[in-house]
Amino acid sequence: MYHDVCRDALIVINNRIDDLRTQLRKSLQHVNEDGHAYEIIFNVLHYGVTERGFLTQMLSEDPRFVEVLGVARKFLNNIYDMYDKLRDCAPDIASDVFNDVLTQLGHAKKPKYFVFCDGMSIREALHLADELGAKYIRTIINPAGVTETYKFILNAREYVAKRPSLDETIRRIAEGAGASRYIIFREYDETIHQIEGSEGLDPRSIVEKMYSITRKLELTMYSLKREGATIVLLSDHGYDVVPVGSGKFKTQHRWNLRSLSILAPVMVVDPLLT
């Protein structure tokens, strides 16, 4: 019964993320430059959490984006409204999402690669989903906003008495899923902590840094697609940008009720057709 409640909550979240992806696609039809599209997605999700602009201050007054901002707020509000319920069943949600991923992979005839992205947020996932033609994007709920998602998946599939290292946890997940190869992409998390330890950056610099990392990940993914593999791209937590004064912001990942840190996106990307 309790699992059914959590499963129902997950269905709502899945529908909302599909709605958001569809609406973003419509809103970005007029945007030809990849970096500008990423900037808009960054702003839409920031506004969905804070109801404030970040880099594009007047986004909420642009009629082209009114609808997508509403969809983003609805998606995030659903998660936050159900947070207490989701927090208690986070391992079940992780297990359900990952089992759905395995179902998607069950139809794959070619090699399976896993890319584990430490700190990739829902912003980057939604951007990459359309750039890479992902057929499937979902999110796991990570209540603490720190590196626990991979352990949720592993513990849901195999009880481990001793706490394994992050690298060991990732290796077990990949091997358990029958992956031919796996990669750990750490640049998001490294940059999040680098900015957090600084005096803060202006919004433009933060967006440019994160887009540069996203572009690097995108090129890595295209290289893997050319190898003919079906790819699972899996994050463990997202990140947030918080003001520190004088027009500067820091990045961080930690628990906060209205936070993007608690979303750990996952997607499945097909190989290039040959």
C-alpha atoms as a PDB file:
ATOM      1  CA  MET A   1       0.000   0.000   0.000  1.00  0.00           C
ATOM      2  CA  TYR A   2       2.758   2.466   0.960  1.00  0.00           C
ATOM      3  CA  HIS A   3       4.703   1.605  -2.176  1.00  0.00           C
ATOM      4  CA  ASP A   4       1.557   2.213  -4.256  1.00  0.00           C
ATOM      5  CA  VAL A   5       1.282   5.733  -2.800  1.00  0.00           C
ATOM      6  CA  CYS A   6       4.888   6.455  -3.739  1.00  0.00           C
ATOM      7  CA  ARG A   7       4.362   4.990  -7.192  1.00  0.00           C
ATOM      8  CA  ASP A   8       1.342   7.254  -7.717  1.00  0.00           C
ATOM      9  CA  ALA A   9       3.435  10.271  -6.712  1.00  0.00           C
ATOM     10  CA  LEU A  10       6.115   9.217  -9.186  1.00  0.00           C
ATOM     11  CA  ILE A  11       3.558   8.986 -12.001  1.00  0.00           C
ATOM     12  CA  VAL A  12       2.523  12.595 -11.330  1.00  0.00           C
ATOM     13  CA  ILE A  13       6.163  13.731 -11.422  1.00  0.00           C
ATOM     14  CA  ASN A  14       6.822  11.815 -14.634  1.00  0.00           C
ATOM     15  CA  ASN A  15       3.828  13.427 -16.326  1.00  0.00           C
ATOM     16  CA  ARG A  16       4.932  16.872 -15.194  1.00  0.00           C
ATOM     17  CA  ILE A  17       8.484  16.452 -16.481  1.00  0.00           C
ATOM     18  CA  ASP A  18       7.122  15.292 -19.857  1.00  0.00           C
ATOM     19  CA  ASP A  19       4.884  18.380 -19.928  1.00  0.00           C
ATOM     20  CA  LEU A  20       7.854  20.613 -19.107  1.00  0.00           C
ATOM     21  CA  ARG A  21      10.015  19.074 -21.809  1.00  0.00           C
ATOM     22  CA  THR A  22       7.249  19.522 -24.380  1.00  0.00           C
ATOM     23  CA  GLN A  23       6.625  23.134 -23.388  1.00  0.00           C
ATOM     24  CA  LEU A  24      10.338  23.970 -23.426  1.00  0.00           C
ATOM     25  CA  ARG A  25      10.570  22.596 -26.933  1.00  0.00           C
ATOM     26  CA  LYS A  26       7.718  24.870 -28.029  1.00  0.00           C
ATOM     27  CA  SER A  27       9.163  27.920 -26.269  1.00  0.00           C
ATOM     28  CA  LEU A  28      12.633  27.419 -27.759  1.00  0.00           C
ATOM     29  CA  GLN A  29      11.506  27.006 -31.369  1.00  0.00           C
ATOM     30  CA  HIS A  30      12.633  30.538 -32.172  1.00  0.00           C
ATOM     31  CA  VAL A  31      16.039  30.123 -30.493  1.00  0.00           C
ATOM     32  CA  ASN A  32      18.775  29.113 -32.922  1.00  0.00           C
ATOM     33  CA  GLU A  33      21.843  29.321 -30.710  1.00  0.00           C
ATOM     34  CA  ASP A  34      22.582  26.402 -28.398  1.00  0.00           C
ATOM     35  CA  GLY A  35      24.090  28.501 -25.614  1.00  0.00           C
ATOM     36  CA  HIS A  36      21.116  30.869 -25.603  1.00  0.00           C
ATOM     37  CA  ALA A  37      18.710  27.909 -25.335  1.00  0.00           C
ATOM     38  CA  TYR A  38      20.652  26.651 -22.319  1.00  0.00           C
ATOM     39  CA  GLU A  39      20.533  30.115 -20.731  1.00  0.00           C
ATOM     40  CA  ILE A  40      16.749  30.223 -21.090  1.00  0.00           C
ATOM     41  CA  ILE A  41      16.311  26.768 -19.551  1.00  0.00           C
ATOM     42  CA  PHE A  42      18.583  27.833 -16.682  1.00  0.00           C
ATOM     43  CA  ASN A  43      16.411  30.892 -16.115  1.00  0.00           C
ATOM     44  CA  VAL A  44      13.126  28.987 -16.387  1.00  0.00           C
ATOM     45  CA  LEU A  45      14.140  26.498 -13.686  1.00  0.00           C
ATOM     46  CA  HIS A  46      15.599  29.218 -11.462  1.00  0.00           C
ATOM     47  CA  TYR A  47      12.364  31.164 -11.750  1.00  0.00           C
ATOM     48  CA  GLY A  48      10.379  28.006 -11.027  1.00  0.00           C
ATOM     49  CA  VAL A  49      12.156  27.700  -7.671  1.00  0.00           C
ATOM     50  CA  THR A  50      12.564  31.336  -6.635  1.00  0.00           C
ATOM     51  CA  GLU A  51      10.011  33.264  -8.760  1.00  0.00           C
ATOM     52  CA  ARG A  52      12.886  35.640  -9.512  1.00  0.00           C
ATOM     53  CA  GLY A  53      14.903  36.195 -12.654  1.00  0.00           C
ATOM     54  CA  PHE A  54      18.545  35.200 -12.740  1.00  0.00           C
ATOM     55  CA  LEU A  55      20.338  36.259 -15.893  1.00  0.00           C
ATOM     56  CA  THR A  56      17.316  37.179 -17.991  1.00  0.00           C
ATOM     57  CA  GLN A  57      15.507  39.371 -15.493  1.00  0.00           C
ATOM     58  CA  MET A  58      12.399  40.072 -17.594  1.00  0.00           C
ATOM     59  CA  LEU A  59      11.677  36.483 -18.682  1.00  0.00           C
ATOM     60  CA  SER A  60       8.385  36.453 -16.778  1.00  0.00           C
ATOM     61  CA  GLU A  61       7.160  39.443 -18.808  1.00  0.00           C
ATOM     62  CA  ASP A  62       7.950  37.883 -22.189  1.00  0.00           C
ATOM     63  CA  PRO A  63       4.757  36.339 -23.643  1.00  0.00           C
ATOM     64  CA  ARG A  64       6.816  33.620 -25.335  1.00  0.00           C
ATOM     65  CA  PHE A  65       7.757  32.180 -21.928  1.00  0.00           C
ATOM     66  CA  VAL A  66       4.693  32.764 -19.748  1.00  0.00           C
ATOM     67  CA  GLU A  67       3.331  29.263 -20.369  1.00  0.00           C
ATOM     68  CA  VAL A  68       6.623  27.397 -19.853  1.00  0.00           C
ATOM     69  CA  LEU A  69       7.256  29.291 -16.596  1.00  0.00           C
ATOM     70  CA  GLY A  70       3.853  28.143 -15.353  1.00  0.00           C
ATOM     71  CA  VAL A  71       4.593  24.531 -16.313  1.00  0.00           C
ATOM     72  CA  ALA A  72       7.986  24.682 -14.565  1.00  0.00           C
ATOM     73  CA  ARG A  73       6.398  26.037 -11.380  1.00  0.00           C
ATOM     74  CA  LYS A  74       3.737  23.321 -11.479  1.00  0.00           C
ATOM     75  CA  PHE A  75       6.376  20.595 -11.930  1.00  0.00           C
ATOM     76  CA  LEU A  76       8.463  21.848  -9.015  1.00  0.00           C
ATOM     77  CA  ASN A  77       5.498  22.650  -6.786  1.00  0.00           C
ATOM     78  CA  ASN A  78       4.217  19.094  -7.202  1.00  0.00           C
ATOM     79  CA  ILE A  79       7.535  17.800  -5.911  1.00  0.00           C
ATOM     80  CA  TYR A  80       7.736  20.262  -3.040  1.00  0.00           C
ATOM     81  CA  ASP A  81       4.094  19.738  -2.039  1.00  0.00           C
ATOM     82  CA  MET A  82       4.676  15.984  -1.828  1.00  0.00           C
ATOM     83  CA  TYR A  83       8.126  16.328  -0.299  1.00  0.00           C
ATOM     84  CA  ASP A  84       7.430  14.682   3.068  1.00  0.00           C
ATOM     85  CA  LYS A  85       5.894  11.683   1.334  1.00  0.00           C
ATOM     86  CA  LEU A  86       8.699  11.515  -1.222  1.00  0.00           C
ATOM     87  CA  ARG A  87      11.402  11.872   1.410  1.00  0.00           C
ATOM     88  CA  ASP A  88      10.174   8.756   3.201  1.00  0.00           C
ATOM     89  CA  CYS A  89      10.023   6.673   0.045  1.00  0.00           C
ATOM     90  CA  ALA A  90      13.065   8.066  -1.796  1.00  0.00           C
ATOM     91  CA  PRO A  91      14.747   4.630  -2.036  1.00  0.00           C
ATOM     92  CA  ASP A  92      11.533   3.182  -3.518  1.00  0.00           C
ATOM     93  CA  ILE A  93      11.362   5.977  -6.083  1.00  0.00           C
ATOM     94  CA  ALA A  94      15.025   5.454  -6.976  1.00  0.00           C
ATOM     95  CA  SER A  95      14.365   1.754  -7.397  1.00  0.00           C
ATOM     96  CA  ASP A  96      11.246   2.306  -9.529  1.00  0.00           C
ATOM     97  CA  VAL A  97      12.941   4.842 -11.805  1.00  0.00           C
ATOM     98  CA  PHE A  98      15.997   2.640 -12.208  1.00  0.00           C
ATOM     99  CA  ASN A  99      13.865  -0.419 -12.929  1.00  0.00           C
ATOM    100  CA  ASP A 100      12.106   1.598 -15.625  1.00  0.00           C
ATOM    101  CA  VAL A 101      15.533   2.422 -17.061  1.00  0.00           C
ATOM    102  CA  LEU A 102      16.408  -1.271 -17.100  1.00  0.00           C
ATOM    103  CA  THR A 103      13.152  -1.961 -18.927  1.00  0.00           C
ATOM    104  CA  GLN A 104      14.152   0.590 -21.554  1.00  0.00           C
ATOM    105  CA  LEU A 105      17.561  -1.060 -21.836  1.00  0.00           C
ATOM    106  CA  GLY A 106      15.990  -4.489 -22.162  1.00  0.00           C
ATOM    107  CA  HIS A 107      14.979  -3.584 -25.714  1.00  0.00           C
ATOM    108  CA  ALA A 108      18.487  -2.441 -26.650  1.00  0.00           C
ATOM    109  CA  LYS A 109      20.328  -4.801 -28.980  1.00  0.00           C
ATOM    110  CA  LYS A 110      23.611  -2.914 -28.862  1.00  0.00           C
ATOM    111  CA  PRO A 111      26.151  -2.302 -26.067  1.00  0.00           C
ATOM    112  CA  LYS A 112      25.002  -0.366 -23.002  1.00  0.00           C
ATOM    113  CA  TYR A 113      27.112   2.460 -21.576  1.00  0.00           C
ATOM    114  CA  PHE A 114      26.525   4.321 -18.320  1.00  0.00           C
ATOM    115  CA  VAL A 115      27.634   7.923 -17.730  1.00  0.00           C
ATOM    116  CA  PHE A 116      27.459   8.906 -14.044  1.00  0.00           C
ATOM    117  CA  CYS A 117      27.335  12.722 -13.720  1.00  0.00           C
ATOM    118  CA  ASP A 118      28.199  14.002 -10.273  1.00  0.00           C
ATOM    119  CA  GLY A 119      26.122  17.177  -9.804  1.00  0.00           C
ATOM    120  CA  MET A 120      24.269  17.431 -13.133  1.00  0.00           C
ATOM    121  CA  SER A 121      21.011  19.281 -12.475  1.00  0.00           C
ATOM    122  CA  ILE A 122      17.591  19.078 -14.101  1.00  0.00           C
ATOM    123  CA  ARG A 123      18.583  22.203 -16.106  1.00  0.00           C
ATOM    124  CA  GLU A 124      21.364  20.395 -17.925  1.00  0.00           C
ATOM    125  CA  ALA A 125      19.327  17.203 -18.274  1.00  0.00           C
ATOM    126  CA  LEU A 126      16.440  18.983 -20.020  1.00  0.00           C
ATOM    127  CA  HIS A 127      18.869  20.791 -22.319  1.00  0.00           C
ATOM    128  CA  LEU A 128      20.754  17.615 -23.222  1.00  0.00           C
ATOM    129  CA  ALA A 129      17.601  15.533 -23.634  1.00  0.00           C
ATOM    130  CA  ASP A 130      16.621  17.409 -26.779  1.00  0.00           C
ATOM    131  CA  GLU A 131      20.166  18.016 -28.006  1.00  0.00           C
ATOM    132  CA  LEU A 132      20.852  14.266 -27.848  1.00  0.00           C
ATOM    133  CA  GLY A 133      17.377  13.091 -28.814  1.00  0.00           C
ATOM    134  CA  ALA A 134      16.809  11.254 -25.533  1.00  0.00           C
ATOM    135  CA  LYS A 135      13.716   9.057 -25.680  1.00  0.00           C
ATOM    136  CA  TYR A 136      13.322   8.961 -21.902  1.00  0.00           C
ATOM    137  CA  ILE A 137      13.980  11.445 -19.082  1.00  0.00           C
ATOM    138  CA  ARG A 138      12.947  11.032 -15.468  1.00  0.00           C
ATOM    139  CA  THR A 139      14.098  12.280 -12.075  1.00  0.00           C
ATOM    140  CA  ILE A 140      14.928  10.536  -8.832  1.00  0.00           C
ATOM    141  CA  ILE A 141      14.267  12.390  -5.574  1.00  0.00           C
ATOM    142  CA  ASN A 142      17.352  12.841  -3.415  1.00  0.00           C
ATOM    143  CA  PRO A 143      16.001  14.309  -0.142  1.00  0.00           C
ATOM    144  CA  ALA A 144      19.375  15.441   1.189  1.00  0.00           C
ATOM    145  CA  GLY A 145      20.620  17.017  -2.043  1.00  0.00           C
ATOM    146  CA  VAL A 146      23.949  15.248  -1.605  1.00  0.00           C
ATOM    147  CA  THR A 147      25.536  12.105  -3.019  1.00  0.00           C
ATOM    148  CA  GLU A 148      23.025   9.445  -1.962  1.00  0.00           C
ATOM    149  CA  THR A 149      21.107   8.588  -5.134  1.00  0.00           C
ATOM    150  CA  TYR A 150      23.566   5.951  -6.330  1.00  0.00           C
ATOM    151  CA  LYS A 151      23.457   4.312  -2.897  1.00  0.00           C
ATOM    152  CA  PHE A 152      19.641   4.302  -3.009  1.00  0.00           C
ATOM    153  CA  ILE A 153      19.801   2.415  -6.297  1.00  0.00           C
ATOM    154  CA  LEU A 154      22.425  -0.023  -5.105  1.00  0.00           C
ATOM    155  CA  ASN A 155      20.779  -0.708  -1.754  1.00  0.00           C
ATOM    156  CA  ALA A 156      17.422  -1.207  -3.421  1.00  0.00           C
ATOM    157  CA  ARG A 157      18.974  -3.910  -5.573  1.00  0.00           C
ATOM    158  CA  GLU A 158      21.555  -5.392  -3.236  1.00  0.00           C
ATOM    159  CA  TYR A 159      21.983  -4.894   0.504  1.00  0.00           C
ATOM    160  CA  VAL A 160      25.513  -3.863   1.381  1.00  0.00           C
ATOM    161  CA  ALA A 161      26.496  -4.168   5.036  1.00  0.00           C
ATOM    162  CA  LYS A 162      29.634  -2.057   4.668  1.00  0.00           C
ATOM    163  CA  ARG A 163      29.384   1.426   3.244  1.00  0.00           C
ATOM    164  CA  PRO A 164      31.033   1.213  -0.193  1.00  0.00           C
ATOM    165  CA  SER A 165      32.937   4.111  -1.737  1.00  0.00           C
ATOM    166  CA  LEU A 166      31.240   6.175  -4.443  1.00  0.00           C
ATOM    167  CA  ASP A 167      33.408   4.565  -7.123  1.00  0.00           C
ATOM    168  CA  GLU A 168      32.577   1.079  -5.822  1.00  0.00           C
ATOM    169  CA  THR A 169      28.864   1.900  -5.714  1.00  0.00           C
ATOM    170  CA  ILE A 170      28.965   3.113  -9.315  1.00  0.00           C
ATOM    171  CA  ARG A 171      30.876   0.032 -10.458  1.00  0.00           C
ATOM    172  CA  ARG A 172      28.297  -2.273  -8.859  1.00  0.00           C
ATOM    173  CA  ILE A 173      25.373  -0.412 -10.432  1.00  0.00           C
ATOM    174  CA  ALA A 174      26.955  -0.528 -13.895  1.00  0.00           C
ATOM    175  CA  GLU A 175      27.895  -4.189 -13.664  1.00  0.00           C
ATOM    176  CA  GLY A 176      24.495  -5.122 -12.230  1.00  0.00           C
ATOM    177  CA  ALA A 177      22.803  -3.427 -15.204  1.00  0.00           C
ATOM    178  CA  GLY A 178      24.977  -5.260 -17.708  1.00  0.00           C
ATOM    179  CA  ALA A 179      26.852  -2.159 -18.849  1.00  0.00           C
ATOM    180  CA  SER A 180      29.666  -2.736 -21.323  1.00  0.00           C
ATOM    181  CA  ARG A 181      31.395   0.431 -20.143  1.00  0.00           C
ATOM    182  CA  TYR A 182      30.895   3.226 -17.644  1.00  0.00           C
ATOM    183  CA  ILE A 183      32.277   6.737 -17.214  1.00  0.00           C
ATOM    184  CA  ILE A 184      32.270   9.048 -14.190  1.00  0.00           C
ATOM    185  CA  PHE A 185      31.894  12.712 -15.141  1.00  0.00           C
ATOM    186  CA  ARG A 186      32.871  14.886 -12.168  1.00  0.00           C
ATOM    187  CA  GLU A 187      33.197  18.393 -13.637  1.00  0.00           C
ATOM    188  CA  TYR A 188      29.823  19.720 -12.468  1.00  0.00           C
ATOM    189  CA  ASP A 189      30.462  18.849  -8.833  1.00  0.00           C
ATOM    190  CA  GLU A 190      34.038  20.132  -8.948  1.00  0.00           C
ATOM    191  CA  THR A 191      32.862  23.471 -10.354  1.00  0.00           C
ATOM    192  CA  ILE A 192      29.938  23.722  -7.890  1.00  0.00           C
ATOM    193  CA  HIS A 193      32.360  23.435  -4.975  1.00  0.00           C
ATOM    194  CA  GLN A 194      34.900  25.737  -6.613  1.00  0.00           C
ATOM    195  CA  ILE A 195      32.317  28.524  -6.943  1.00  0.00           C
ATOM    196  CA  GLU A 196      30.951  27.795  -3.462  1.00  0.00           C
ATOM    197  CA  GLY A 197      34.421  28.320  -2.021  1.00  0.00           C
ATOM    198  CA  SER A 198      34.901  31.630  -3.825  1.00  0.00           C
ATOM    199  CA  GLU A 199      33.515  35.086  -3.072  1.00  0.00           C
ATOM    200  CA  GLY A 200      30.794  34.438  -5.634  1.00  0.00           C
ATOM    201  CA  LEU A 201      30.365  35.111  -9.346  1.00  0.00           C
ATOM    202  CA  ASP A 202      28.033  37.211 -11.441  1.00  0.00           C
ATOM    203  CA  PRO A 203      25.133  35.335 -13.085  1.00  0.00           C
ATOM    204  CA  ARG A 204      26.654  35.475 -16.579  1.00  0.00           C
ATOM    205  CA  SER A 205      29.871  33.816 -15.411  1.00  0.00           C
ATOM    206  CA  ILE A 206      27.987  31.008 -13.646  1.00  0.00           C
ATOM    207  CA  VAL A 207      25.823  30.263 -16.692  1.00  0.00           C
ATOM    208  CA  GLU A 208      28.838  30.324 -19.004  1.00  0.00           C
ATOM    209  CA  LYS A 209      30.818  27.960 -16.764  1.00  0.00           C
ATOM    210  CA  MET A 210      27.948  25.483 -16.522  1.00  0.00           C
ATOM    211  CA  TYR A 211      27.205  25.670 -20.215  1.00  0.00           C
ATOM    212  CA  SER A 212      30.868  25.004 -21.040  1.00  0.00           C
ATOM    213  CA  ILE A 213      30.741  21.840 -18.922  1.00  0.00           C
ATOM    214  CA  THR A 214      27.432  20.826 -20.498  1.00  0.00           C
ATOM    215  CA  ARG A 215      28.869  21.283 -23.974  1.00  0.00           C
ATOM    216  CA  LYS A 216      31.827  19.078 -23.047  1.00  0.00           C
ATOM    217  CA  LEU A 217      29.456  16.395 -21.748  1.00  0.00           C
ATOM    218  CA  GLU A 218      27.347  16.678 -24.905  1.00  0.00           C
ATOM    219  CA  LEU A 219      30.397  16.055 -27.105  1.00  0.00           C
ATOM    220  CA  THR A 220      31.332  13.050 -24.958  1.00  0.00           C
ATOM    221  CA  MET A 221      27.815  11.677 -25.375  1.00  0.00           C
ATOM    222  CA  TYR A 222      27.911  12.125 -29.158  1.00  0.00           C
ATOM    223  CA  SER A 223      31.190  10.231 -29.243  1.00  0.00           C
ATOM    224  CA  LEU A 224      29.594   7.356 -27.336  1.00  0.00           C
ATOM    225  CA  LYS A 225      26.511   7.436 -29.602  1.00  0.00           C
ATOM    226  CA  ARG A 226      28.811   7.015 -32.616  1.00  0.00           C
ATOM    227  CA  GLU A 227      30.160   3.844 -31.025  1.00  0.00           C
ATOM    228  CA  GLY A 228      26.672   2.386 -31.413  1.00  0.00           C
ATOM    229  CA  ALA A 229      25.809   2.154 -27.714  1.00  0.00           C
ATOM    230  CA  THR A 230      22.594   2.888 -25.855  1.00  0.00           C
ATOM    231  CA  ILE A 231      23.588   5.300 -23.082  1.00  0.00           C
ATOM    232  CA  VAL A 232      22.179   5.888 -19.619  1.00  0.00           C
ATOM    233  CA  LEU A 233      23.024   9.346 -18.249  1.00  0.00           C
ATOM    234  CA  LEU A 234      22.470   9.402 -14.491  1.00  0.00           C
ATOM    235  CA  SER A 235      22.997  12.158 -11.923  1.00  0.00           C
ATOM    236  CA  ASP A 236      23.157  11.848  -8.136  1.00  0.00           C
ATOM    237  CA  HIS A 237      21.983  15.379  -7.230  1.00  0.00           C
ATOM    238  CA  GLY A 238      21.513  18.816  -8.733  1.00  0.00           C
ATOM    239  CA  TYR A 239      22.640  22.228  -7.510  1.00  0.00           C
ATOM    240  CA  ASP A 240      21.270  25.653  -6.639  1.00  0.00           C
ATOM    241  CA  VAL A 241      22.486  29.211  -7.104  1.00  0.00           C
ATOM    242  CA  VAL A 242      22.103  31.451  -4.072  1.00  0.00           C
ATOM    243  CA  PRO A 243      22.734  35.214  -3.719  1.00  0.00           C
ATOM    244  CA  VAL A 244      25.649  36.385  -1.591  1.00  0.00           C
ATOM    245  CA  GLY A 245      25.304  40.139  -2.141  1.00  0.00           C
ATOM    246  CA  SER A 246      26.660  42.768  -4.550  1.00  0.00           C
ATOM    247  CA  GLY A 247      25.043  41.003  -7.501  1.00  0.00           C
ATOM    248  CA  LYS A 248      27.035  37.845  -6.958  1.00  0.00           C
ATOM    249  CA  PHE A 249      25.914  34.253  -6.453  1.00  0.00           C
ATOM    250  CA  LYS A 250      27.363  30.965  -5.259  1.00  0.00           C
ATOM    251  CA  THR A 251      26.521  27.430  -6.285  1.00  0.00           C
ATOM    252  CA  GLN A 252      25.820  24.713  -3.739  1.00  0.00           C
ATOM    253  CA  HIS A 253      24.102  21.381  -3.329  1.00  0.00           C
ATOM    254  CA  ARG A 254      22.352  20.648  -0.069  1.00  0.00           C
ATOM    255  CA  TRP A 255      18.888  20.145   1.369  1.00  0.00           C
ATOM    256  CA  ASN A 256      16.393  22.927   1.050  1.00  0.00           C
ATOM    257  CA  LEU A 257      12.674  22.412   0.589  1.00  0.00           C
ATOM    258  CA  ARG A 258      12.563  24.608  -2.525  1.00  0.00           C
ATOM    259  CA  SER A 259      15.699  23.347  -4.142  1.00  0.00           C
ATOM    260  CA  LEU A 260      16.954  21.915  -7.428  1.00  0.00           C
ATOM    261  CA  SER A 261      19.636  20.015  -5.487  1.00  0.00           C
ATOM    262  CA  ILE A 262      17.110  17.329  -4.535  1.00  0.00           C
ATOM    263  CA  LEU A 263      16.427  16.347  -8.168  1.00  0.00           C
ATOM    264  CA  ALA A 264      18.672  13.660  -9.668  1.00  0.00           C
ATOM    265  CA  PRO A 265      17.778  13.320 -13.364  1.00  0.00           C
ATOM    266  CA  VAL A 266      18.273  10.207 -15.490  1.00  0.00           C
ATOM    267  CA  MET A 267      17.843   9.719 -19.239  1.00  0.00           C
ATOM    268  CA  VAL A 268      18.262   7.029 -21.869  1.00  0.00           C
ATOM    269  CA  VAL A 269      19.862   7.983 -25.197  1.00  0.00           C
ATOM    270  CA  ASP A 270      19.784   5.749 -28.282  1.00  0.00           C
ATOM    271  CA  PRO A 271      22.844   5.224 -30.527  1.00  0.00           C
ATOM    272  CA  LEU A 272      23.218   7.057 -33.812  1.00  0.00           C
ATOM    273  CA  LEU A 273      21.452   5.278 -36.643  1.00  0.00           C
ATOM    274  CA  THR A 274      23.857   3.602 -39.059  1.00  0.00           C
END
